[in-house]
Amino acid sequence: MILYLDTSSLVKLYVDEIGSSDVCALVDRADVVSTSMVALPEARSAFARLAREEVLSAQELDSVRKAFLGDWDSFLKVRMVQRLCRRAGDLAEDYALRGFDALHLASFLEILEQSEDERVEFSAFDARLNAAAAQVVKDGG
């Protein structure tokens, strides 16, 4: 199974939050973990925000950042190309998504379309994004 993680799910691999154990279980079952290239700056931003909010200490931030960057190369990453960005724009308009959420959905759809017969699962912790993903998959992409 290929697992697609948006940034909200990816962060849960490195920071203990509600849903972290669910994401870890999905990752344990996956053959491949995928995400979008935009997840790198998004996750780094989320980690820094958690440090500013004193959820993470400076030492914890350093540890989380190192673990994340150490794992980054192991993820299958969808690159931002013009076709994908245009699709994300359409998805943002059609499903009232924020820009990066639309990029994640377009990236997931790219993985889904390239996967041939392998099962692909989507993981996000945003109700609107999950609803849009379910609807797009139901409608056939």
Protein backbone atom coordinates (compact mmCIF):
# COMPACT_ATOMS: atom_id res chain seq x y z
CA MET A 1 0.00 0.00 0.00
CA ILE A 2 1.13 3.54 -0.79
CA LEU A 3 0.29 6.03 1.93
CA TYR A 4 -0.02 9.72 1.12
CA LEU A 5 0.52 12.04 4.09
CA ASP A 6 -0.42 15.69 4.00
CA THR A 7 1.59 17.90 6.33
CA SER A 8 -0.88 17.64 9.23
CA SER A 9 -0.37 13.87 9.23
CA LEU A 10 3.36 14.06 8.57
CA VAL A 11 3.92 16.31 11.59
CA LYS A 12 2.21 13.71 13.79
CA LEU A 13 5.06 11.30 13.06
CA TYR A 14 7.46 13.64 14.86
CA VAL A 15 5.33 15.41 17.46
CA ASP A 16 3.08 13.53 19.86
CA GLU A 17 -0.39 14.89 19.16
CA ILE A 18 -3.92 13.55 18.96
CA GLY A 19 -3.85 11.17 16.01
CA SER A 20 -0.12 10.46 16.15
CA SER A 21 -0.63 6.78 16.97
CA ASP A 22 -3.10 6.45 14.08
CA VAL A 23 -0.60 7.92 11.62
CA CYS A 24 2.20 5.72 12.97
CA ALA A 25 -0.01 2.65 12.49
CA LEU A 26 -0.73 3.66 8.89
CA VAL A 27 2.96 4.20 8.21
CA ASP A 28 3.79 0.80 9.71
CA ARG A 29 1.35 -0.84 7.26
CA ALA A 30 2.55 1.12 4.22
CA ASP A 31 5.02 -0.16 1.68
CA VAL A 32 5.70 3.40 0.53
CA VAL A 33 5.08 6.72 2.29
CA SER A 34 4.51 9.66 -0.02
CA THR A 35 3.95 13.38 0.32
CA SER A 36 4.31 16.61 -1.60
CA MET A 37 7.47 18.68 -1.83
CA VAL A 38 5.52 21.49 -0.14
CA ALA A 39 5.45 19.37 3.02
CA LEU A 40 9.10 20.20 3.73
CA PRO A 41 8.65 23.94 4.37
CA GLU A 42 5.17 23.37 5.82
CA ALA A 43 6.42 20.86 8.38
CA ARG A 44 9.44 22.98 9.28
CA SER A 45 7.06 25.90 9.80
CA ALA A 46 4.78 23.78 12.00
CA PHE A 47 7.70 22.60 14.13
CA ALA A 48 8.96 26.18 14.55
CA ARG A 49 5.45 27.36 15.49
CA LEU A 50 5.23 24.63 18.13
CA ALA A 51 8.54 25.84 19.55
CA ARG A 52 7.36 29.46 19.60
CA GLU A 53 4.21 28.33 21.40
CA GLU A 54 6.46 26.44 23.85
CA VAL A 55 4.90 23.08 22.99
CA LEU A 56 8.42 22.00 21.99
CA SER A 57 11.58 23.05 23.81
CA ALA A 58 14.58 24.23 21.80
CA GLN A 59 16.16 20.82 22.32
CA GLU A 60 12.98 19.02 21.23
CA LEU A 61 12.74 21.24 18.15
CA ASP A 62 16.31 20.36 17.21
CA SER A 63 15.61 16.65 17.69
CA VAL A 64 12.34 16.75 15.72
CA ARG A 65 13.94 18.72 12.88
CA LYS A 66 16.87 16.29 12.65
CA ALA A 67 14.57 13.25 12.66
CA PHE A 68 12.33 14.77 10.01
CA LEU A 69 15.19 15.81 7.74
CA GLY A 70 16.80 12.40 8.27
CA ASP A 71 13.64 10.70 7.03
CA TRP A 72 12.86 13.16 4.23
CA ASP A 73 14.82 11.30 1.53
CA SER A 74 12.95 8.07 2.28
CA PHE A 75 9.58 9.56 1.30
CA LEU A 76 8.25 9.37 -2.23
CA LYS A 77 7.80 13.05 -3.04
CA VAL A 78 5.56 14.63 -5.63
CA ARG A 79 7.27 17.57 -7.30
CA MET A 80 5.52 20.83 -8.07
CA VAL A 81 5.18 21.09 -11.82
CA GLN A 82 2.93 23.40 -13.78
CA ARG A 83 0.30 20.74 -14.58
CA LEU A 84 -0.01 19.78 -10.92
CA CYS A 85 -0.23 23.42 -9.81
CA ARG A 86 -2.98 24.10 -12.34
CA ARG A 87 -4.89 21.08 -11.10
CA ALA A 88 -4.44 22.27 -7.53
CA GLY A 89 -5.90 25.63 -8.53
CA ASP A 90 -8.95 23.89 -9.98
CA LEU A 91 -9.33 21.77 -6.84
CA ALA A 92 -9.01 24.86 -4.61
CA GLU A 93 -11.85 26.53 -6.49
CA ASP A 94 -14.05 23.44 -6.81
CA TYR A 95 -13.76 22.32 -3.19
CA ALA A 96 -13.07 25.59 -1.35
CA LEU A 97 -9.60 24.42 -0.30
CA ARG A 98 -6.67 26.45 0.95
CA GLY A 99 -3.74 26.59 -1.46
CA PHE A 100 -1.43 24.05 0.20
CA ASP A 101 -4.36 21.70 0.87
CA ALA A 102 -5.18 21.81 -2.84
CA LEU A 103 -1.53 21.06 -3.65
CA HIS A 104 -1.65 18.05 -1.33
CA LEU A 105 -4.85 16.78 -2.93
CA ALA A 106 -3.43 17.22 -6.43
CA SER A 107 -0.26 15.41 -5.31
CA PHE A 108 -2.28 12.55 -3.85
CA LEU A 109 -4.23 12.25 -7.11
CA GLU A 110 -0.94 12.15 -9.03
CA ILE A 111 0.22 9.23 -6.87
CA LEU A 112 -3.16 7.53 -7.23
CA GLU A 113 -3.07 7.82 -11.01
CA GLN A 114 0.51 6.53 -11.22
CA SER A 115 -0.03 3.63 -8.82
CA GLU A 116 -1.51 1.18 -11.34
CA ASP A 117 -3.02 -1.61 -9.22
CA GLU A 118 -1.48 -0.74 -5.85
CA ARG A 119 -3.81 0.59 -3.17
CA VAL A 120 -3.25 4.23 -2.19
CA GLU A 121 -4.51 5.72 1.08
CA PHE A 122 -4.79 9.39 1.97
CA SER A 123 -4.15 10.73 5.46
CA ALA A 124 -4.95 14.27 6.56
CA PHE A 125 -6.33 15.89 9.70
CA ASP A 126 -8.51 18.47 7.99
CA ALA A 127 -12.22 17.74 7.51
CA ARG A 128 -12.62 19.81 4.34
CA LEU A 129 -9.54 18.27 2.71
CA ASN A 130 -10.63 14.74 3.62
CA ALA A 131 -14.14 15.39 2.25
CA ALA A 132 -12.69 16.77 -0.99
CA ALA A 133 -10.35 13.78 -1.35
CA ALA A 134 -13.21 11.34 -0.82
CA GLN A 135 -15.41 13.16 -3.33
CA VAL A 136 -12.71 13.40 -6.01
CA VAL A 137 -11.88 9.70 -5.64
CA LYS A 138 -15.58 8.81 -5.76
CA ASP A 139 -15.99 10.89 -8.92
CA GLY A 140 -13.01 9.20 -10.52
CA GLY A 141 -10.42 11.94 -10.18
